[in-house]
Amino acid sequence: MRLDHRTRYRGALYGTMVAAVFSAAGCTSPWWNAFISPNEIGNFRENRVNEIQESISFRDKPLGVPGACDPTPEDLVATVTEYQIGPADAVSIRLLDFMQLGTETELQLIVDDLGYIDVPQIGWLRVEGMTARQIQSEIVRQAKNAEIYPADATPTVTVQILSRQHRSFNISGVINAPGEYPITRPDLRLREAINQAGSLADPVKVVYVFRNGERPKQISEVSMPPAPAAPAEEQFPAPPVTPDSLTELGSATGSPAATNAAAPTPGTRAGRAGELVLPTEEVERDLTEAVSPATTPAKAQAAQGAPASPQTLPTYIYVNNEFVEAPRAPEKAVTAPSPPATRPRVTGVQAPAQAPTTTGPVDWEELAAEGQQRVIRIPADKIRQGDPNYNVVVRHHDWIQLDPGQTGYFYVLGHVIRPGTYAFNGEDITLTQALAAAGGLDQLAWPTRCELHRRIDNNRMEITQWDLGRIMDGQDPDLFLKKDDVVNVGTHAVAPLLATIRNSFRLTYGFGFVYDRNFADIDAFYGQANPADVRRAQRATRGLLN
């Protein structure tokens, strides 16, 4: 049986209607959604769990503090240690029979920036890093060395720390009274530290504890000037020398210079008794050659193969109109030159080495681990709920930062229902949440054409491409937005045609279907006659002709 064109037209129309019904009923598949309605994105088939990206590339810094970690069991254990004195601490020292027998002397001293205190009759003592008992023992030892107390005595010395400046923490962020606070006891916990500065406000999302290691410290001590040297006459008093002793010296050495020293030679000047007069080069040469080679230290060492030391010439003084050899100073051992007293001395940890330059992905946690501090990340909700696993012990030099989350704005434009500017309000907004806030995609949106503009520094911006269909389908991970991000949803040349096809079939009241001819035809330009009237006129015309 052969079907006419009307039957075929009705079959195609009914088939299209059935497909539209199934599409409206939800019996769809991914390829069917992508073909008929590419702006209708989602996964309506299975359950999936995907991660959310914190950065879009290796150039982008992730959200929060890089390298932050969860608390460890060691962070929950309080360590009790004896307090160590530091700069700006106040110390009270009480000594019996120190200044006067039968009386007690009380001293209240402040440790200076270099860690010293000045104790009368003892002098400057370096007490930085010492405990109270160590300071007590040091004062007793120094007092016995100064013969203030007998060696076999047991002095009564009491040391008390009045103010402790080196057990404190800092707190900042969303808090009523930020600043520095003392650690009153070793078991001070995070919740108690926050209550000291106010309370945990509702906008706070994360609490970061920056736990510093040993801080580098550079100390430059200025040495005191040495005492003035005594005059030469006082150091080396002139011995009584007679002309006979000088003559015997000249005859023993065979030196004409020594023999004729009684008479002034050219190049020398006659001086008074006890006056130092330098000999001329000729006299020094004659005196040097008069020394026996066997007794010359430099030549003896060279003969034995030992390295020769610099030769030292004897020193002569002019006394009673005669040259006499001055007494020799004791020889000092040759040591390596010591650094100057004013050279800075650096204590503490060394600066970390620079990370090697790499063009691959950056491991932010590894880079943060190279620093000298550890960052503990604690969700604020855990503190509000009183979870003991997150109530860590506050230690010296801890810096507590109460983070309210992201603030600022992000922007959505392109083919969405409500393009515009949106605020974070302290929440972590993902890309899909931003599209939901903008009302979703419009009829001409193309999910595979979505780009994200993100600033990576003050004068550079990175543009990345994202497929919204794969993200909503669970094939690609979602990502967090940052301040000043711009989300732009594009379209495609086929999108208007698909939108026209989708709008051609509408579900009306009474579950009937209406076919709308939305394509431009001749009816759109001028009015047309009724087809029935046209056929009736054609039959009448044929009848007249017959």
Protein backbone atom coordinates (compact mmCIF):
# COMPACT_ATOMS: atom_id res chain seq x y z
CA MET A 1 0.00 0.00 0.00
CA ARG A 2 1.35 3.37 -0.96
CA LEU A 3 1.02 6.26 1.52
CA ASP A 4 0.16 9.67 0.22
CA HIS A 5 1.98 12.82 1.25
CA ARG A 6 -0.66 13.72 3.85
CA THR A 7 -0.17 10.43 5.70
CA ARG A 8 3.60 10.84 5.71
CA TYR A 9 3.27 14.40 6.96
CA ARG A 10 1.01 13.32 9.82
CA GLY A 11 3.45 10.52 10.80
CA ALA A 12 6.38 12.90 10.97
CA LEU A 13 4.33 15.35 12.95
CA TYR A 14 3.21 12.72 15.46
CA GLY A 15 6.76 11.42 15.83
CA THR A 16 8.01 14.90 16.61
CA MET A 17 5.24 15.34 19.15
CA VAL A 18 6.12 12.05 20.88
CA ALA A 19 9.77 13.07 21.09
CA ALA A 20 8.76 16.40 22.58
CA VAL A 21 6.56 14.65 25.14
CA PHE A 22 9.36 12.32 26.20
CA SER A 23 11.71 15.27 26.46
CA ALA A 24 9.25 17.16 28.63
CA ALA A 25 8.66 14.05 30.77
CA GLY A 26 12.36 13.73 31.63
CA CYS A 27 13.16 10.59 29.66
CA THR A 28 16.34 12.11 28.34
CA SER A 29 19.93 11.15 27.81
CA PRO A 30 23.10 13.28 27.84
CA TRP A 31 23.45 13.40 24.10
CA TRP A 32 19.77 14.24 23.72
CA ASN A 33 20.10 17.16 26.17
CA ALA A 34 23.21 18.42 24.43
CA PHE A 35 21.56 18.22 21.03
CA ILE A 36 18.14 19.68 21.73
CA SER A 37 18.81 21.88 24.80
CA PRO A 38 22.53 22.51 25.31
CA ASN A 39 21.77 25.17 27.95
CA GLU A 40 20.03 22.56 30.14
CA ILE A 41 23.09 21.11 31.90
CA GLY A 42 23.35 18.58 34.71
CA ASN A 43 23.81 14.93 35.61
CA PHE A 44 20.50 13.19 36.18
CA ARG A 45 21.73 9.59 36.10
CA GLU A 46 24.19 8.78 38.92
CA ASN A 47 25.74 9.98 42.16
CA ARG A 48 29.27 11.37 42.09
CA VAL A 49 31.74 12.98 44.49
CA ASN A 50 34.19 15.48 43.00
CA GLU A 51 36.83 17.75 44.44
CA ILE A 52 36.63 21.54 44.17
CA GLN A 53 39.71 23.27 42.79
CA GLU A 54 41.29 26.11 44.78
CA SER A 55 43.48 27.35 41.92
CA ILE A 56 43.11 27.45 38.16
CA SER A 57 46.80 27.08 37.19
CA PHE A 58 50.30 26.97 38.63
CA ARG A 59 50.43 30.77 38.41
CA ASP A 60 47.43 31.14 40.69
CA LYS A 61 47.83 31.21 44.46
CA PRO A 62 45.27 28.98 46.22
CA LEU A 63 42.70 30.31 48.66
CA GLY A 64 43.57 30.69 52.31
CA VAL A 65 47.10 30.37 53.68
CA PRO A 66 49.37 28.09 51.61
CA GLY A 67 50.69 25.13 53.58
CA ALA A 68 48.10 25.33 56.37
CA CYS A 69 47.50 21.96 58.04
CA ASP A 70 45.17 20.43 60.58
CA PRO A 71 46.11 20.20 64.28
CA THR A 72 48.24 17.26 65.38
CA PRO A 73 48.05 15.41 68.73
CA GLU A 74 51.21 17.23 69.84
CA ASP A 75 49.36 20.56 69.53
CA LEU A 76 46.92 19.44 72.23
CA VAL A 77 49.57 18.63 74.85
CA ALA A 78 50.72 21.41 77.20
CA THR A 79 54.47 21.50 77.86
CA VAL A 80 55.53 22.89 81.25
CA THR A 81 59.02 24.46 81.20
CA GLU A 82 60.85 26.85 83.51
CA TYR A 83 60.72 30.43 82.30
CA GLN A 84 63.84 31.79 80.61
CA ILE A 85 64.80 35.42 81.06
CA GLY A 86 64.77 37.70 78.04
CA PRO A 87 65.15 41.40 77.17
CA ALA A 88 62.73 43.82 78.89
CA ASP A 89 62.02 41.36 81.73
CA ALA A 90 62.11 42.75 85.29
CA VAL A 91 64.10 40.78 87.88
CA SER A 92 64.14 41.19 91.66
CA ILE A 93 67.35 40.07 93.43
CA ARG A 94 67.61 39.98 97.24
CA LEU A 95 71.01 39.38 98.84
CA LEU A 96 71.90 39.08 102.53
CA ASP A 97 75.26 40.44 103.79
CA PHE A 98 76.04 41.73 100.31
CA MET A 99 76.60 45.46 100.77
CA GLN A 100 76.84 45.36 104.56
CA LEU A 101 76.84 42.64 107.17
CA GLY A 102 73.48 41.99 108.75
CA THR A 103 71.51 43.87 106.10
CA GLU A 104 69.52 42.71 103.11
CA THR A 105 70.07 44.31 99.73
CA GLU A 106 67.19 44.30 97.24
CA LEU A 107 67.81 45.05 93.56
CA GLN A 108 65.15 45.47 90.89
CA LEU A 109 66.81 45.31 87.51
CA ILE A 110 65.57 45.40 83.89
CA VAL A 111 67.26 43.13 81.35
CA ASP A 112 68.60 45.30 78.54
CA ASP A 113 68.28 44.62 74.82
CA LEU A 114 71.49 42.58 74.78
CA GLY A 115 70.38 40.41 77.71
CA TYR A 116 72.56 41.95 80.45
CA ILE A 117 71.93 43.21 84.00
CA ASP A 118 74.28 45.36 86.06
CA VAL A 119 74.82 44.00 89.58
CA PRO A 120 76.73 46.27 92.01
CA GLN A 121 80.22 45.04 93.02
CA ILE A 122 79.96 42.27 90.42
CA GLY A 123 79.41 44.06 87.11
CA TRP A 124 77.50 43.16 83.99
CA LEU A 125 76.04 39.66 83.81
CA ARG A 126 74.49 38.15 80.69
CA VAL A 127 71.29 36.48 81.86
CA GLU A 128 69.34 36.06 78.60
CA GLY A 129 68.18 32.47 78.28
CA MET A 130 68.79 31.71 81.98
CA THR A 131 66.22 30.63 84.53
CA ALA A 132 65.82 32.18 87.96
CA ARG A 133 67.81 29.39 89.62
CA GLN A 134 70.61 29.69 87.08
CA ILE A 135 70.84 33.43 87.72
CA GLN A 136 70.98 32.74 91.47
CA SER A 137 73.87 30.30 91.04
CA GLU A 138 75.75 32.70 88.76
CA ILE A 139 75.43 35.60 91.18
CA VAL A 140 76.73 33.45 94.07
CA ARG A 141 79.68 32.29 91.97
CA GLN A 142 80.58 35.82 90.85
CA ALA A 143 80.24 37.15 94.40
CA LYS A 144 82.63 34.51 95.73
CA ASN A 145 85.12 35.28 92.95
CA ALA A 146 84.95 38.95 93.96
CA GLU A 147 85.59 37.87 97.60
CA ILE A 148 82.31 39.37 98.74
CA TYR A 149 81.46 36.06 100.36
CA PRO A 150 83.92 33.51 101.75
CA ALA A 151 84.59 30.52 99.50
CA ASP A 152 83.05 28.07 102.00
CA ALA A 153 79.99 30.23 102.78
CA THR A 154 76.43 29.61 101.69
CA PRO A 155 75.07 33.04 100.76
CA THR A 156 71.38 33.84 100.95
CA VAL A 157 70.39 35.01 97.44
CA THR A 158 66.83 35.08 96.13
CA VAL A 159 65.90 35.77 92.48
CA GLN A 160 62.32 36.49 91.45
CA ILE A 161 60.94 37.39 88.02
CA LEU A 162 58.62 40.38 88.32
CA SER A 163 57.40 40.73 84.71
CA ARG A 164 57.49 38.15 81.96
CA GLN A 165 57.59 39.63 78.49
CA HIS A 166 58.55 36.42 76.70
CA ARG A 167 55.43 34.32 77.17
CA SER A 168 52.81 36.02 75.06
CA PHE A 169 50.69 35.61 71.94
CA ASN A 170 49.12 37.97 69.41
CA ILE A 171 45.58 37.89 68.08
CA SER A 172 44.16 39.82 65.12
CA GLY A 173 41.35 39.73 62.58
CA VAL A 174 37.63 39.89 63.33
CA ILE A 175 37.95 40.37 67.11
CA ASN A 176 36.90 43.12 69.51
CA ALA A 177 40.32 43.81 71.07
CA PRO A 178 43.21 42.65 68.89
CA GLY A 179 46.71 42.89 70.32
CA GLU A 180 49.32 41.10 72.42
CA TYR A 181 48.32 39.11 75.50
CA PRO A 182 50.36 37.26 78.13
CA ILE A 183 50.25 33.50 78.53
CA THR A 184 49.24 33.20 82.15
CA ARG A 185 49.71 29.45 82.42
CA PRO A 186 51.18 26.65 80.28
CA ASP A 187 47.75 25.09 79.59
CA LEU A 188 46.18 28.15 77.93
CA ARG A 189 43.86 26.92 75.15
CA LEU A 190 42.66 28.55 71.93
CA ARG A 191 39.10 29.18 73.12
CA GLU A 192 40.37 30.91 76.26
CA ALA A 193 42.79 33.02 74.21
CA ILE A 194 39.96 34.18 71.93
CA ASN A 195 37.78 35.04 74.94
CA GLN A 196 40.56 37.23 76.34
CA ALA A 197 40.33 39.43 73.24
CA GLY A 198 36.54 39.38 72.97
CA SER A 199 34.59 36.54 71.42
CA LEU A 200 34.34 34.46 68.29
CA ALA A 201 32.21 36.54 65.92
CA ASP A 202 29.73 34.94 63.54
CA PRO A 203 31.49 36.10 60.33
CA VAL A 204 34.66 34.19 61.27
CA LYS A 205 35.01 31.10 59.09
CA VAL A 206 38.58 29.90 59.75
CA VAL A 207 41.06 30.42 62.59
CA TYR A 208 44.74 30.30 61.61
CA VAL A 209 47.46 29.80 64.22
CA PHE A 210 50.88 30.87 62.95
CA ARG A 211 53.35 28.95 65.08
CA ASN A 212 56.83 30.38 64.70
CA GLY A 213 60.01 28.47 65.22
CA GLU A 214 63.17 30.03 66.60
CA ARG A 215 63.40 33.62 65.44
CA PRO A 216 66.66 34.80 63.88
CA LYS A 217 68.38 37.39 66.03
CA GLN A 218 71.34 39.59 65.22
CA ILE A 219 73.30 41.07 68.12
CA SER A 220 75.94 43.74 67.64
CA GLU A 221 77.96 44.37 70.77
CA VAL A 222 80.27 47.38 70.93
CA SER A 223 83.48 46.51 72.75
CA MET A 224 84.83 48.85 75.41
CA PRO A 225 88.02 50.77 74.49
CA PRO A 226 91.18 49.21 75.98
CA ALA A 227 92.89 50.85 78.94
CA PRO A 228 95.75 53.22 78.01
CA ALA A 229 99.15 51.54 77.97
CA ALA A 230 101.74 52.49 80.57
CA PRO A 231 104.81 54.51 79.47
CA ALA A 232 107.88 52.62 78.28
CA GLU A 233 109.89 53.65 81.31
CA GLU A 234 107.33 52.08 83.63
CA GLN A 235 107.01 48.88 81.63
CA PHE A 236 110.76 48.34 81.20
CA PRO A 237 112.72 50.13 83.87
CA ALA A 238 116.27 50.85 82.75
CA PRO A 239 118.76 48.59 84.53
CA PRO A 240 121.96 50.14 85.83
CA VAL A 241 124.44 49.63 83.01
CA THR A 242 128.10 50.55 83.18
CA PRO A 243 130.48 51.15 80.29
CA ASP A 244 132.38 48.00 81.29
CA SER A 245 129.34 45.78 80.69
CA LEU A 246 128.79 47.29 77.27
CA THR A 247 132.46 46.78 76.39
CA GLU A 248 132.22 43.14 77.46
CA LEU A 249 129.18 42.74 75.20
CA GLY A 250 131.09 44.15 72.25
CA SER A 251 134.12 41.96 72.82
CA ALA A 252 131.94 38.85 73.16
CA THR A 253 130.06 39.46 69.93
CA GLY A 254 132.88 41.10 67.99
CA SER A 255 130.55 43.90 66.90
CA PRO A 256 132.22 47.26 66.34
CA ALA A 257 128.85 48.92 66.74
CA ALA A 258 128.45 47.52 70.23
CA THR A 259 132.07 48.33 71.10
CA ASN A 260 131.82 51.88 69.85
CA ALA A 261 128.33 52.44 71.20
CA ALA A 262 129.66 54.72 73.87
CA ALA A 263 130.31 57.33 71.21
CA PRO A 264 127.38 58.55 69.23
CA THR A 265 127.47 57.38 65.63
CA PRO A 266 126.14 59.18 62.61
CA GLY A 267 122.39 58.73 62.37
CA THR A 268 121.84 58.55 66.11
CA ARG A 269 121.18 61.19 68.65
CA ALA A 270 122.47 61.37 72.16
CA GLY A 271 119.74 61.17 74.73
CA ARG A 272 119.25 61.49 78.38
CA ALA A 273 119.31 58.58 80.74
CA GLY A 274 116.30 56.34 80.20
CA GLU A 275 115.49 57.85 76.77
CA LEU A 276 114.77 55.53 73.88
CA VAL A 277 116.95 56.22 70.87
CA LEU A 278 116.61 54.15 67.72
CA PRO A 279 119.85 52.98 66.03
CA THR A 280 120.58 53.58 62.39
CA GLU A 281 120.28 50.89 59.71
CA GLU A 282 124.07 50.34 59.76
CA VAL A 283 124.05 49.69 63.50
CA GLU A 284 121.06 47.28 63.17
CA ARG A 285 122.79 45.36 60.39
CA ASP A 286 126.01 45.03 62.41
CA LEU A 287 124.11 43.89 65.46
CA THR A 288 122.14 41.33 63.44
CA GLU A 289 125.23 39.84 61.78
CA ALA A 290 126.89 39.54 65.17
CA VAL A 291 124.41 36.87 66.22
CA SER A 292 125.67 33.31 65.69
CA PRO A 293 123.86 31.32 62.95
CA ALA A 294 123.46 28.40 65.30
CA THR A 295 121.49 30.55 67.67
CA THR A 296 119.26 32.19 65.07
CA PRO A 297 115.78 30.62 65.41
CA ALA A 298 114.82 31.21 61.80
CA LYS A 299 118.03 29.66 60.38
CA ALA A 300 117.85 26.73 62.79
CA GLN A 301 114.31 25.93 61.70
CA ALA A 302 115.28 26.25 58.04
CA ALA A 303 118.21 23.84 58.56
CA GLN A 304 115.85 21.26 60.09
CA GLY A 305 113.33 21.62 57.28
CA ALA A 306 110.79 23.38 59.49
CA PRO A 307 109.04 26.46 58.18
CA ALA A 308 110.92 29.56 59.12
CA SER A 309 109.24 32.09 61.34
CA PRO A 310 109.69 35.80 60.90
CA GLN A 311 113.00 36.96 62.42
CA THR A 312 112.67 39.32 65.37
CA LEU A 313 115.46 41.86 65.93
CA PRO A 314 116.47 42.73 69.48
CA THR A 315 115.36 46.06 70.82
CA TYR A 316 117.89 48.48 72.26
CA ILE A 317 117.48 51.47 74.49
CA TYR A 318 119.91 54.32 74.96
CA VAL A 319 120.77 54.58 78.65
CA ASN A 320 123.61 56.56 80.18
CA ASN A 321 124.96 57.47 76.74
CA GLU A 322 125.07 53.80 75.78
CA PHE A 323 122.90 51.29 73.79
CA VAL A 324 121.58 48.45 75.95
CA GLU A 325 119.33 45.57 74.82
CA ALA A 326 115.88 45.91 76.32
CA PRO A 327 114.27 42.97 78.15
CA ARG A 328 112.35 40.68 75.79
CA ALA A 329 108.61 40.29 76.15
CA PRO A 330 107.31 36.72 76.53
CA GLU A 331 106.62 35.08 73.16
CA LYS A 332 103.00 34.52 72.28
CA ALA A 333 101.66 31.60 70.34
CA VAL A 334 100.62 32.44 66.81
CA THR A 335 96.87 32.01 66.46
CA ALA A 336 94.38 32.80 63.77
CA PRO A 337 93.17 36.39 63.88
CA SER A 338 89.94 36.71 65.85
CA PRO A 339 87.04 38.66 64.42
CA PRO A 340 86.60 42.22 65.64
CA ALA A 341 84.51 42.78 68.73
CA THR A 342 82.00 44.87 66.81
CA ARG A 343 81.28 42.21 64.24
CA PRO A 344 77.58 41.21 64.33
CA ARG A 345 76.96 37.80 65.78
CA VAL A 346 73.90 36.08 64.37
CA THR A 347 72.14 33.55 66.51
CA GLY A 348 69.14 31.41 65.70
CA VAL A 349 68.11 29.59 62.58
CA GLN A 350 69.62 30.23 59.22
CA ALA A 351 67.66 31.76 56.38
CA PRO A 352 66.06 29.14 54.13
CA ALA A 353 67.68 28.53 50.79
CA GLN A 354 65.91 29.82 47.73
CA ALA A 355 63.64 27.40 45.98
CA PRO A 356 64.90 26.27 42.58
CA THR A 357 63.26 27.91 39.61
CA THR A 358 60.76 25.62 37.93
CA THR A 359 58.33 25.95 35.08
CA GLY A 360 56.06 23.12 36.18
CA PRO A 361 53.16 23.22 38.66
CA VAL A 362 53.95 24.85 41.97
CA ASP A 363 53.46 22.83 45.16
CA TRP A 364 52.28 25.56 47.50
CA GLU A 365 52.36 23.35 50.59
CA GLU A 366 55.95 22.33 49.88
CA LEU A 367 56.98 25.97 49.48
CA ALA A 368 55.27 26.91 52.72
CA ALA A 369 57.02 24.05 54.54
CA GLU A 370 60.39 25.56 53.62
CA GLY A 371 59.67 28.59 55.80
CA GLN A 372 60.36 28.91 59.50
CA GLN A 373 56.75 28.76 60.67
CA ARG A 374 53.92 26.30 60.80
CA VAL A 375 50.32 27.29 60.06
CA ILE A 376 47.48 25.43 61.77
CA ARG A 377 44.05 25.70 60.12
CA ILE A 378 41.07 25.35 62.45
CA PRO A 379 37.45 25.67 61.22
CA ALA A 380 35.59 28.21 63.33
CA ASP A 381 32.58 25.90 63.59
CA LYS A 382 34.72 23.36 65.44
CA ILE A 383 35.55 25.99 68.05
CA ARG A 384 31.90 27.02 68.37
CA GLN A 385 30.87 23.39 68.83
CA GLY A 386 33.55 22.87 71.48
CA ASP A 387 35.37 20.10 69.65
CA PRO A 388 38.36 19.24 71.93
CA ASN A 389 40.42 17.97 68.98
CA TYR A 390 40.70 21.54 67.68
CA ASN A 391 41.18 23.41 70.97
CA VAL A 392 44.97 23.56 70.68
CA VAL A 393 47.41 24.85 73.30
CA VAL A 394 48.60 28.43 72.75
CA ARG A 395 52.38 28.69 72.83
CA HIS A 396 54.87 31.53 73.02
CA HIS A 397 55.05 33.73 69.88
CA ASP A 398 51.81 32.26 68.45
CA TRP A 399 49.89 34.59 66.16
CA ILE A 400 46.14 33.88 66.01
CA GLN A 401 44.34 35.21 62.92
CA LEU A 402 40.53 35.14 62.77
CA ASP A 403 39.63 35.04 59.07
CA PRO A 404 36.11 36.11 58.04
CA GLY A 405 36.37 34.41 54.65
CA GLN A 406 36.32 36.06 51.27
CA THR A 407 35.12 39.61 50.90
CA GLY A 408 34.68 41.72 47.80
CA TYR A 409 32.84 41.12 44.54
CA PHE A 410 32.76 38.86 41.50
CA TYR A 411 31.13 39.53 38.14
CA VAL A 412 28.95 37.40 35.85
CA LEU A 413 28.16 38.46 32.30
CA GLY A 414 27.23 36.99 28.94
CA HIS A 415 24.30 34.65 28.31
CA VAL A 416 22.88 34.36 31.83
CA ILE A 417 19.48 35.44 33.10
CA ARG A 418 20.75 38.15 35.49
CA PRO A 419 24.23 39.38 34.61
CA GLY A 420 25.78 41.77 37.12
CA THR A 421 27.94 42.20 40.23
CA TYR A 422 27.68 39.85 43.21
CA ALA A 423 29.25 39.93 46.68
CA PHE A 424 30.99 37.08 48.49
CA ASN A 425 29.75 38.02 51.99
CA GLY A 426 32.39 35.82 53.59
CA GLU A 427 31.34 32.66 51.73
CA ASP A 428 33.39 30.49 49.39
CA ILE A 429 31.49 30.70 46.09
CA THR A 430 32.03 28.12 43.36
CA LEU A 431 31.54 28.62 39.64
CA THR A 432 28.25 26.73 39.56
CA GLN A 433 26.97 28.70 42.56
CA ALA A 434 27.81 31.94 40.76
CA LEU A 435 25.75 30.81 37.74
CA ALA A 436 22.87 29.88 40.04
CA ALA A 437 23.04 33.35 41.65
CA ALA A 438 22.83 34.84 38.14
CA GLY A 439 19.63 32.89 37.40
CA GLY A 440 21.25 30.19 35.26
CA LEU A 441 21.89 30.10 31.52
CA ASP A 442 19.60 31.78 29.02
CA GLN A 443 18.22 30.29 25.78
CA LEU A 444 21.28 31.16 23.69
CA ALA A 445 23.99 30.07 26.18
CA TRP A 446 26.55 27.53 25.04
CA PRO A 447 27.96 25.62 28.07
CA THR A 448 31.25 24.69 26.44
CA ARG A 449 32.04 28.37 25.98
CA CYS A 450 32.67 29.74 29.43
CA GLU A 451 35.78 31.73 30.32
CA LEU A 452 37.11 32.96 33.62
CA HIS A 453 39.18 36.16 33.98
CA ARG A 454 41.35 36.19 37.12
CA ARG A 455 44.01 38.59 38.32
CA ILE A 456 47.25 36.86 39.22
CA ASP A 457 48.96 40.07 40.37
CA ASN A 458 48.40 43.81 40.18
CA ASN A 459 48.98 44.20 36.44
CA ARG A 460 48.41 40.73 34.96
CA MET A 461 45.28 38.71 34.25
CA GLU A 462 44.86 35.06 33.31
CA ILE A 463 41.98 33.81 31.12
CA THR A 464 41.03 30.14 31.34
CA GLN A 465 38.36 28.10 29.51
CA TRP A 466 35.81 25.88 31.28
CA ASP A 467 33.12 23.46 30.12
CA LEU A 468 30.02 23.99 32.24
CA GLY A 469 28.41 20.86 30.84
CA ARG A 470 31.25 18.62 32.05
CA ILE A 471 31.35 20.36 35.42
CA MET A 472 27.63 19.91 36.01
CA ASP A 473 27.82 16.37 34.73
CA GLY A 474 30.53 15.57 37.30
CA GLN A 475 33.24 14.82 34.75
CA ASP A 476 35.34 17.88 35.68
CA PRO A 477 35.82 19.39 39.16
CA ASP A 478 34.20 22.64 40.13
CA LEU A 479 36.34 25.60 41.26
CA PHE A 480 36.23 28.37 43.84
CA LEU A 481 35.95 31.95 42.69
CA LYS A 482 38.12 34.78 44.03
CA LYS A 483 37.78 38.47 44.48
CA ASP A 484 37.42 40.42 41.20
CA ASP A 485 36.83 37.24 39.11
CA VAL A 486 34.82 37.73 35.90
CA VAL A 487 32.71 34.83 34.53
CA ASN A 488 31.69 35.19 30.90
CA VAL A 489 29.26 32.72 29.27
CA GLY A 490 29.31 32.69 25.47
CA THR A 491 27.07 31.40 22.69
CA HIS A 492 27.31 29.56 19.36
CA ALA A 493 26.00 30.12 15.84
CA VAL A 494 23.69 27.10 16.13
CA ALA A 495 22.18 28.31 19.43
CA PRO A 496 19.49 30.57 17.84
CA LEU A 497 18.34 27.76 15.54
CA LEU A 498 18.07 25.28 18.41
CA ALA A 499 16.20 27.84 20.46
CA THR A 500 13.69 28.29 17.58
CA ILE A 501 13.18 24.54 17.29
CA ARG A 502 12.60 24.21 21.04
CA ASN A 503 10.00 26.97 20.94
CA SER A 504 8.13 25.48 17.98
CA PHE A 505 6.23 22.95 20.12
CA ARG A 506 4.43 24.08 23.22
CA LEU A 507 2.28 22.22 25.70
CA THR A 508 -1.12 23.99 25.93
CA TYR A 509 -4.18 23.72 28.13
CA GLY A 510 -6.04 20.44 27.75
CA PHE A 511 -2.83 18.59 26.79
CA GLY A 512 -3.14 19.54 23.14
CA PHE A 513 -0.28 20.47 20.90
CA VAL A 514 -0.09 23.60 18.81
CA TYR A 515 2.36 23.94 15.96
CA ASP A 516 3.63 27.47 15.56
CA ARG A 517 5.02 28.49 12.23
CA ASN A 518 7.70 30.84 13.45
CA PHE A 519 9.56 30.91 10.15
CA ALA A 520 9.06 33.85 7.89
CA ASP A 521 6.81 33.04 4.85
CA ILE A 522 4.50 34.88 2.51
CA ASP A 523 1.89 35.30 5.25
CA ALA A 524 4.25 37.63 7.03
CA PHE A 525 4.12 40.20 4.18
CA TYR A 526 0.40 40.46 3.07
CA GLY A 527 -2.92 38.77 3.66
CA GLN A 528 -3.86 35.50 1.97
CA ALA A 529 -7.26 34.17 0.76
CA ASN A 530 -8.96 31.31 2.49
CA PRO A 531 -7.90 28.05 0.78
CA ALA A 532 -11.49 26.75 0.83
CA ASP A 533 -12.69 29.84 -0.95
CA VAL A 534 -9.93 29.46 -3.49
CA ARG A 535 -10.87 25.83 -4.22
CA ARG A 536 -14.56 26.74 -4.47
CA ALA A 537 -13.74 29.46 -6.96
CA GLN A 538 -11.58 27.07 -8.96
CA ARG A 539 -14.44 24.50 -9.22
CA ALA A 540 -16.87 27.15 -10.27
CA THR A 541 -14.49 28.30 -12.94
CA ARG A 542 -14.04 24.78 -14.27
CA GLY A 543 -17.86 24.31 -14.39
CA LEU A 544 -18.32 27.45 -16.40
CA LEU A 545 -15.64 26.39 -18.80
CA ASN A 546 -17.25 23.01 -19.32
